[in-house]
Each structure stands twice: as C-alpha cells, then as structure tokens.
Protein backbone atom coordinates (compact mmCIF):
# COMPACT_ATOMS: atom_id res chain seq x y z
CA UNK A 1 36.77 27.12 -32.11
CA UNK A 2 34.00 24.58 -32.73
CA UNK A 3 33.50 21.61 -30.43
CA UNK A 4 30.89 18.85 -30.19
CA UNK A 5 30.00 16.65 -27.25
CA UNK A 6 27.72 13.69 -26.64
CA UNK A 7 26.21 13.12 -23.21
CA UNK A 8 23.89 10.43 -21.86
CA UNK A 9 20.71 10.94 -19.92
CA UNK A 10 20.63 9.09 -16.61
CA UNK A 11 18.18 7.26 -14.39
CA UNK A 12 18.39 7.86 -10.65
CA UNK A 13 18.15 4.74 -8.51
CA UNK A 14 18.17 6.86 -5.35
CA UNK A 15 16.50 10.15 -6.25
CA UNK A 16 16.92 13.71 -5.16
CA UNK A 17 13.92 15.97 -4.72
CA UNK A 18 14.24 19.45 -3.37
CA UNK A 19 17.17 21.84 -3.25
CA UNK A 20 19.18 23.29 -0.39
CA UNK A 21 20.20 26.14 -2.68
CA UNK A 22 18.11 27.15 -5.71
CA UNK A 23 20.81 29.23 -7.40
CA UNK A 24 23.64 26.70 -7.06
CA UNK A 25 21.25 23.73 -7.44
CA UNK A 26 22.52 21.94 -4.34
CA UNK A 27 20.31 18.90 -3.69
CA UNK A 28 18.53 18.16 -0.43
CA UNK A 29 20.19 14.73 -0.45
CA UNK A 30 22.87 12.74 -2.19
CA UNK A 31 21.77 10.31 -4.90
CA UNK A 32 22.85 7.45 -7.13
CA UNK A 33 22.20 6.99 -10.84
CA UNK A 34 23.21 5.16 -14.02
CA UNK A 35 24.04 6.75 -17.36
CA UNK A 36 21.93 5.42 -20.23
CA UNK A 37 23.32 4.24 -23.56
CA UNK A 38 20.17 4.79 -25.63
CA UNK A 39 19.21 8.30 -24.49
CA UNK A 40 21.75 10.81 -25.75
CA UNK A 41 22.13 14.50 -26.52
CA UNK A 42 24.62 15.74 -29.11
CA UNK A 43 25.60 19.42 -28.95
CA UNK A 44 27.89 21.55 -31.11
CA UNK A 45 29.09 24.92 -29.83
CA UNK A 46 31.10 27.61 -31.59
CA UNK A 47 31.91 31.04 -30.20
CA UNK A 48 31.82 33.56 -33.04
CA UNK A 49 33.21 37.08 -32.70
CA UNK A 50 30.86 38.56 -35.30
CA UNK A 51 27.68 37.35 -33.58
CA UNK A 52 25.60 40.03 -31.84
CA UNK A 53 23.61 37.48 -29.80
CA UNK A 54 23.62 33.78 -29.00
CA UNK A 55 21.80 31.38 -31.31
CA UNK A 56 20.29 28.26 -29.71
CA UNK A 57 18.72 25.52 -31.86
CA UNK A 58 17.25 22.41 -30.22
CA UNK A 59 15.94 19.56 -32.36
CA UNK A 60 15.64 21.83 -35.39
CA UNK A 61 13.81 24.66 -33.59
CA UNK A 62 15.49 28.00 -32.89
CA UNK A 63 14.83 28.91 -29.27
CA UNK A 64 13.90 32.32 -27.93
CA UNK A 65 16.75 34.06 -26.13
CA UNK A 66 14.41 35.36 -23.43
CA UNK A 67 14.83 33.55 -20.09
CA UNK A 68 16.91 30.89 -21.84
CA UNK A 69 18.72 28.57 -19.42
CA UNK A 70 21.22 27.55 -22.12
CA UNK A 71 22.30 31.17 -22.54
CA UNK A 72 22.62 31.52 -18.78
CA UNK A 73 24.93 28.51 -18.90
CA UNK A 74 26.98 29.97 -21.75
CA UNK A 75 27.41 33.05 -19.57
CA UNK A 76 28.91 30.84 -16.84
CA UNK A 77 31.38 29.41 -19.34
CA UNK A 78 32.23 32.87 -20.70
CA UNK A 79 32.87 34.13 -17.17
CA UNK A 80 35.33 31.31 -16.45
CA UNK A 81 37.06 31.67 -19.85
CA UNK A 82 37.02 35.48 -19.66
CA UNK A 83 35.61 35.89 -23.14
CA UNK A 84 32.63 37.85 -24.43
CA UNK A 85 31.98 36.21 -27.82
CA UNK A 86 28.45 35.05 -28.51
CA UNK A 87 27.88 31.43 -29.49
CA UNK A 88 26.03 29.29 -31.98
CA UNK A 89 24.63 26.15 -30.34
CA UNK A 90 22.93 23.28 -32.15
CA UNK A 91 21.55 20.40 -30.10
CA UNK A 92 19.80 17.16 -30.98
CA UNK A 93 18.22 14.57 -28.68
CA UNK A 94 17.59 11.02 -29.87
CA UNK A 95 14.63 10.69 -27.47
CA UNK A 96 11.49 12.67 -26.48
CA UNK A 97 12.13 15.95 -24.65
CA UNK A 98 10.30 17.04 -21.50
CA UNK A 99 8.56 13.74 -20.71
CA UNK A 100 10.58 12.77 -17.66
CA UNK A 101 13.53 11.12 -19.42
CA UNK A 102 16.03 13.67 -18.07
CA UNK A 103 16.72 15.49 -21.31
CA UNK A 104 17.98 18.44 -19.25
CA UNK A 105 20.63 16.17 -17.70
CA UNK A 106 22.06 15.04 -21.03
CA UNK A 107 21.49 18.48 -22.56
CA UNK A 108 23.40 20.50 -20.00
CA UNK A 109 26.14 17.89 -19.67
CA UNK A 110 26.74 18.00 -23.43
CA UNK A 111 26.55 21.81 -23.45
CA UNK A 112 29.03 22.02 -20.57
CA UNK A 113 31.64 19.81 -22.23
CA UNK A 114 31.27 21.31 -25.72
CA UNK A 115 31.07 24.94 -24.61
CA UNK A 116 33.97 24.78 -22.16
CA UNK A 117 36.26 23.27 -24.80
CA UNK A 118 35.04 25.67 -27.48
CA UNK A 119 35.91 28.52 -25.10
CA UNK A 120 39.45 27.18 -24.77
CA UNK A 121 39.06 25.73 -21.28
CA UNK A 122 40.51 22.46 -20.03
CA UNK A 123 38.45 21.45 -17.00
CA UNK A 124 38.75 18.36 -14.83
CA UNK A 125 35.87 15.89 -14.50
CA UNK A 126 35.06 17.36 -11.08
CA UNK A 127 35.05 20.91 -12.47
CA UNK A 128 32.83 19.87 -15.38
CA UNK A 129 30.40 18.15 -13.01
CA UNK A 130 30.18 21.24 -10.78
CA UNK A 131 29.62 23.47 -13.79
CA UNK A 132 27.01 21.15 -15.34
CA UNK A 133 25.13 21.03 -12.02
CA UNK A 134 24.58 24.78 -12.17
CA UNK A 135 22.74 24.40 -15.47
CA UNK A 136 20.64 21.41 -14.41
CA UNK A 137 21.18 19.51 -11.17
CA UNK A 138 21.03 16.01 -12.63
CA UNK A 139 23.41 17.02 -15.45
CA UNK A 140 26.31 16.66 -13.01
CA UNK A 141 25.61 12.90 -12.96
CA UNK A 142 25.99 12.64 -16.75
CA UNK A 143 29.61 13.82 -16.68
CA UNK A 144 31.29 10.75 -15.06
CA UNK A 145 30.82 7.28 -16.56
CA UNK A 146 28.66 4.32 -15.61
CA UNK A 147 26.97 4.20 -12.22
CA UNK A 148 27.54 7.49 -10.41
CA UNK A 149 26.99 9.11 -7.03
CA UNK A 150 26.14 12.79 -6.64
CA UNK A 151 27.81 13.70 -3.38
CA UNK A 152 25.74 15.51 -0.77
CA UNK A 153 27.89 18.62 -0.48
CA UNK A 154 27.04 21.75 1.46
CA UNK A 155 28.91 24.05 -0.92
CA UNK A 156 29.29 24.32 -4.69
CA UNK A 157 32.80 22.90 -4.59
CA UNK A 158 31.70 19.78 -2.68
CA UNK A 159 28.53 18.99 -4.65
CA UNK A 160 29.51 16.96 -7.72
CA UNK A 161 29.21 13.46 -9.15
CA UNK A 162 31.78 10.67 -9.17
CA UNK A 163 31.82 7.29 -10.88
CA UNK A 164 31.14 4.36 -8.56
CA UNK A 165 31.40 1.67 -11.26
CA UNK A 166 32.37 1.74 -14.95
CA UNK A 167 29.79 0.82 -17.63
CA UNK A 168 31.02 -2.77 -17.90
CA UNK A 169 30.75 -3.48 -14.16
CA UNK A 170 27.31 -5.14 -14.20
CA UNK A 171 24.92 -6.12 -16.99
CA UNK A 172 22.09 -3.96 -15.63
CA UNK A 173 19.66 -2.80 -18.28
CA UNK A 174 17.07 -0.05 -18.28
CA UNK A 175 14.16 -0.76 -20.60
CA UNK A 176 12.18 2.45 -21.03
CA UNK A 177 8.51 2.20 -21.91
CA UNK A 178 7.42 5.41 -23.62
CA UNK A 179 3.74 5.91 -22.78
CA UNK A 180 3.41 9.57 -23.82
CA UNK A 181 5.24 11.89 -26.19
CA UNK A 182 3.72 15.06 -24.74
CA UNK A 183 5.57 17.31 -22.33
CA UNK A 184 4.79 16.92 -18.65
CA UNK A 185 2.51 19.54 -17.13
CA UNK A 186 4.91 20.79 -14.44
CA UNK A 187 8.66 21.01 -14.97
CA UNK A 188 11.05 19.43 -12.48
CA UNK A 189 12.44 22.90 -11.72
CA UNK A 190 8.99 24.05 -10.57
CA UNK A 191 8.29 20.79 -8.76
CA UNK A 192 11.44 20.99 -6.65
CA UNK A 193 10.13 24.19 -5.06
CA UNK A 194 7.12 22.34 -3.62
CA UNK A 195 9.03 19.61 -1.81
CA UNK A 196 8.84 21.04 1.69
CA UNK A 197 5.04 21.35 1.47
CA UNK A 198 4.67 17.57 1.73
CA UNK A 199 4.09 16.32 5.30
CA UNK A 200 6.32 13.33 4.53
CA UNK A 201 9.36 15.28 3.34
CA UNK A 202 11.17 15.41 6.69
CA UNK A 203 10.83 11.66 7.15
CA UNK A 204 12.30 11.07 3.70
CA UNK A 205 15.26 13.32 4.44
CA UNK A 206 15.82 11.59 7.80
CA UNK A 207 16.59 8.16 6.33
CA UNK A 208 18.25 9.09 3.01
CA UNK A 209 21.84 8.41 4.13
CA UNK A 210 20.88 4.92 5.27
CA UNK A 211 19.12 4.30 1.95
CA UNK A 212 22.16 5.43 -0.05
CA UNK A 213 24.39 3.15 2.04
CA UNK A 214 22.08 0.19 1.37
CA UNK A 215 22.05 0.91 -2.36
CA UNK A 216 25.84 0.98 -2.47
CA UNK A 217 25.99 -2.32 -0.60
CA UNK A 218 23.59 -4.02 -3.03
CA UNK A 219 25.53 -2.62 -6.00
CA UNK A 220 28.82 -3.92 -4.55
CA UNK A 221 27.29 -7.36 -4.00
CA UNK A 222 25.37 -7.34 -7.31
CA UNK A 223 22.35 -8.39 -5.27
CA UNK A 224 19.68 -7.76 -7.89
CA UNK A 225 16.52 -8.73 -5.94
CA UNK A 226 17.45 -6.54 -2.96
CA UNK A 227 18.58 -3.75 -5.26
CA UNK A 228 15.35 -3.94 -7.27
CA UNK A 229 13.11 -3.86 -4.21
CA UNK A 230 14.99 -0.84 -2.89
CA UNK A 231 14.82 1.26 -6.05
CA UNK A 232 11.15 0.44 -6.65
CA UNK A 233 10.24 1.49 -3.10
CA UNK A 234 12.36 4.63 -3.55
CA UNK A 235 10.46 5.63 -6.71
CA UNK A 236 7.13 5.20 -4.94
CA UNK A 237 8.35 7.24 -1.99
CA UNK A 238 9.48 10.05 -4.28
CA UNK A 239 6.09 10.20 -5.94
CA UNK A 240 4.37 10.07 -2.55
CA UNK A 241 6.14 13.34 -1.77
CA UNK A 242 4.91 14.79 -5.07
CA UNK A 243 1.34 13.56 -4.58
CA UNK A 244 1.15 15.12 -1.12
CA UNK A 245 2.77 18.46 -1.93
CA UNK A 246 0.72 21.64 -2.31
CA UNK A 247 -0.32 21.81 -5.06
CA UNK A 248 0.00 18.10 -5.76
CA UNK A 249 2.06 16.79 -8.67
CA UNK A 250 0.54 13.88 -10.56
CA UNK A 251 2.79 12.79 -13.41
CA UNK A 252 1.48 9.27 -13.98
CA UNK A 253 -0.79 8.33 -16.87
CA UNK A 254 -2.97 5.19 -17.14
CA UNK A 255 -0.14 3.58 -19.08
CA UNK A 256 2.33 4.32 -16.30
CA UNK A 257 0.08 2.72 -13.69
CA UNK A 258 -0.66 -0.30 -15.84
CA UNK A 259 3.02 -1.13 -16.25
CA UNK A 260 3.72 -0.55 -12.56
CA UNK A 261 1.08 -3.14 -11.70
CA UNK A 262 2.28 -5.53 -14.40
CA UNK A 263 5.79 -5.49 -12.93
CA UNK A 264 4.45 -7.23 -9.85
CA UNK A 265 2.54 -9.73 -12.02
CA UNK A 266 5.66 -10.47 -14.05
CA UNK A 267 7.75 -11.03 -10.91
CA UNK A 268 5.14 -13.53 -9.70
CA UNK A 269 5.63 -15.29 -13.03
CA UNK A 270 9.36 -15.54 -12.37
CA UNK A 271 10.54 -12.55 -14.43
CA UNK A 272 13.03 -10.49 -12.37
CA UNK A 273 12.14 -6.88 -13.21
CA UNK A 274 11.58 -3.75 -11.11
CA UNK A 275 10.35 -0.30 -12.08
CA UNK A 276 11.51 3.20 -11.33
CA UNK A 277 10.13 6.53 -12.53
CA UNK A 278 11.59 10.01 -12.82
CA UNK A 279 9.50 13.17 -12.69
CA UNK A 280 7.37 12.24 -15.65
CA UNK A 281 5.06 9.64 -17.12
CA UNK A 282 7.45 7.27 -18.90
CA UNK A 283 8.52 4.25 -16.88
CA UNK A 284 11.95 2.65 -16.54
CA UNK A 285 12.08 -1.13 -16.09
CA UNK A 286 15.32 -2.30 -14.51
CA UNK A 287 16.51 -5.84 -15.21
CA UNK A 288 19.61 -7.82 -16.04
CA UNK A 289 20.59 -8.46 -19.65
CA UNK A 290 19.16 -12.03 -19.97
CA UNK A 291 15.67 -10.66 -19.20
CA UNK A 292 15.60 -7.92 -21.86
CA UNK A 293 14.15 -9.80 -24.84
CA UNK A 294 11.31 -11.34 -22.86
CA UNK A 295 10.53 -7.96 -21.33
CA UNK A 296 10.43 -6.30 -24.76
CA UNK A 297 7.89 -8.89 -25.92
CA UNK A 298 5.74 -8.24 -22.87
CA UNK A 299 5.84 -4.47 -23.41
CA UNK A 300 5.07 -4.78 -27.12
CA UNK A 301 1.71 -6.31 -26.21
CA UNK A 302 0.65 -3.27 -24.17
CA UNK A 303 -1.52 -0.77 -26.04
CA UNK A 304 -0.25 2.30 -24.16
CA UNK A 305 3.41 1.64 -24.97
CA UNK A 306 4.36 3.82 -27.93
CA UNK A 307 8.07 3.00 -28.02
CA UNK A 308 10.65 0.88 -26.21
CA UNK A 309 14.24 2.04 -25.61
CA UNK A 310 16.80 -0.43 -24.24
CA UNK A 311 19.71 1.06 -22.31
CA UNK A 312 22.85 -0.34 -20.77
CA UNK A 313 25.24 1.53 -18.49
CA UNK A 314 27.02 4.17 -20.58
CA UNK A 315 30.15 6.34 -20.65
CA UNK A 316 29.79 9.91 -19.43
CA UNK A 317 29.86 13.09 -21.51
CA UNK A 318 32.68 13.24 -24.04
CA UNK A 319 33.88 15.08 -27.13
CA UNK A 320 33.39 13.72 -30.65
CA UNK A 321 34.72 14.85 -34.04
CA UNK A 322 31.43 14.96 -35.98
CA UNK A 323 29.83 18.41 -35.77
CA UNK A 324 26.14 19.32 -36.23
CA UNK A 325 26.95 22.42 -38.33
C-alpha cells in the first residue's frame, strides 16, 4: 500500500537543547513552537514484498543505507505493524536542507504519517507524535496543528506534542531570511550532546518552566511586544549555551548577525519585529501579518539575504492523494 504525507517544519519559540534520554529523544525541557506554512516535506512510502532492502531517495538523491536514520525509523514502524517488507521512500523538501530550518522535523513527521499508514496502521495524533519524536525530537511538534507544546514528559508515553492554538488563532508570521545554502558544520544531534558542558546550562534549566508559563500567557493574551521580547531573549540564551559549550558551537554567519542587529534598528523605527534562530545560520523574523510586506522590502535590500520565505501558522502532518512515484 502506497501512502503520501505532507508535514511542516516548525520554529520553536521556547527551545529545547539537550536530552534526558538519547535513545528515546526525551528533551531536557518542554518547549513551544509554531508549524510553518512555507517549509514543507512531502514523502511517499510503499512497502514492497519483493524488495531485498529499503530504498531512500531525498531531493532526487538516493541515500546510503548505512547508518540511515530513516531506515531506523522504518524499522520502528515495521515493529509496530509486525511486518518485514522493505520500503521505497521518496522525499522532497521545498526548502534548503541542513541549514537550521528543521528539515528533520518535517522529514520525520512526514515519514511517520506516510509509513504508518502504508504499513496498515491507524495511529492517534498522540501515538504519531511519540513515534515521530523517536526519529527526530522536534518532529513530534510537526504532527499537531498550529502552535504546539511539546510536553516535558519523563517517559516515552508522556513526551509528545499537543496543539495549543489552531493555525487561524493569530496572524503571526515567520519571515525567514536565508543567508546560507550550505549545511551547518555540526548537526543538532551532535550539538545536543554538548549541552551539559556549558556553565550556564543548569541556570537555563532552572527557569524553563517559568519561561514556558510566560510564553503561554502572552500567546493567550496576544501580547505581541511581550511575546517578541521573550522569544528573542530565549534565542540568545540558547545560543549562549552553544557558544559556551566544549567545544563551542558557532552557527551564526555575518549575515545572521547583521539581521539580528537590524531588528533592533527597525524596532526603533517603529517596525514591530523580533528575531529567533534555530541551530543554524538562517534567521526567523517574527511579526504580525500587517508588517510582512515592509519587512520583505527591508530584507531585499540586504546583500547577504539569498532568499525570503514567508510563513503563517500551518496545519500539522497529514495525508495527501498525490504520490511522488
């Protein structure tokens, strides 16, 4: 049976960095994110009895089966479905891969939904989120719709994402400035292992629950200035942990820094915009819908900006009828 799913990437407003359990990908702290309408992965999966091994194609390139996380994830699905058939998987992203735009989140969310259905499973949203998390932690956030919270569970069954608000709740926009198309030097998976080496990590963990509570309050009130200040400070704190780990992680490029500084200039000019950054070099500018066009014009004047992607809050991972093969 052949099935195809589309899943959004997401941007974390309150981040997670570090894992309580490497195998189950349990995060050190709960977190809050928004699914993104303009950053999507489409994946088609078919289990084929005659296949001797899995075939994984991503963006037109056939991947090696050695140490392949997608195959590990197919094994999880096969174990639940109690089947042994190998699979053909074809995946396409509509945005750069490996630059800090959370392609693993959309990728493993799409793979989870398509593969589970192709294997004959009917899983709940909670079950899909738990399964997606085991492939890539942030993928669990791409299963529910809109603005989501990844619950800070101590076990696999209690660590999953839920929708806080549907896509239409608030006209928040995420304007992504692409400043590099190259892959980042250190993967997020490797970076997570260094978290505890930062002298500031314990302090971050100490006040995370309070920060999450504040974020939820500002979202409920649609208090954009307070929300923006919080998420910008949170992004800087996250990268402070990375900068002070051993070895240090420096993801920013000159273009990243330039836009970070310009955000403050633009706010002084009366433009309500705040930045956040994942584990990469590309920068996310958070604003409300009326600000988008002016912000695009500002970004278009910056030499380092290679592309601009405008996102609104998006539905979570879901099946579609159009297959990739």
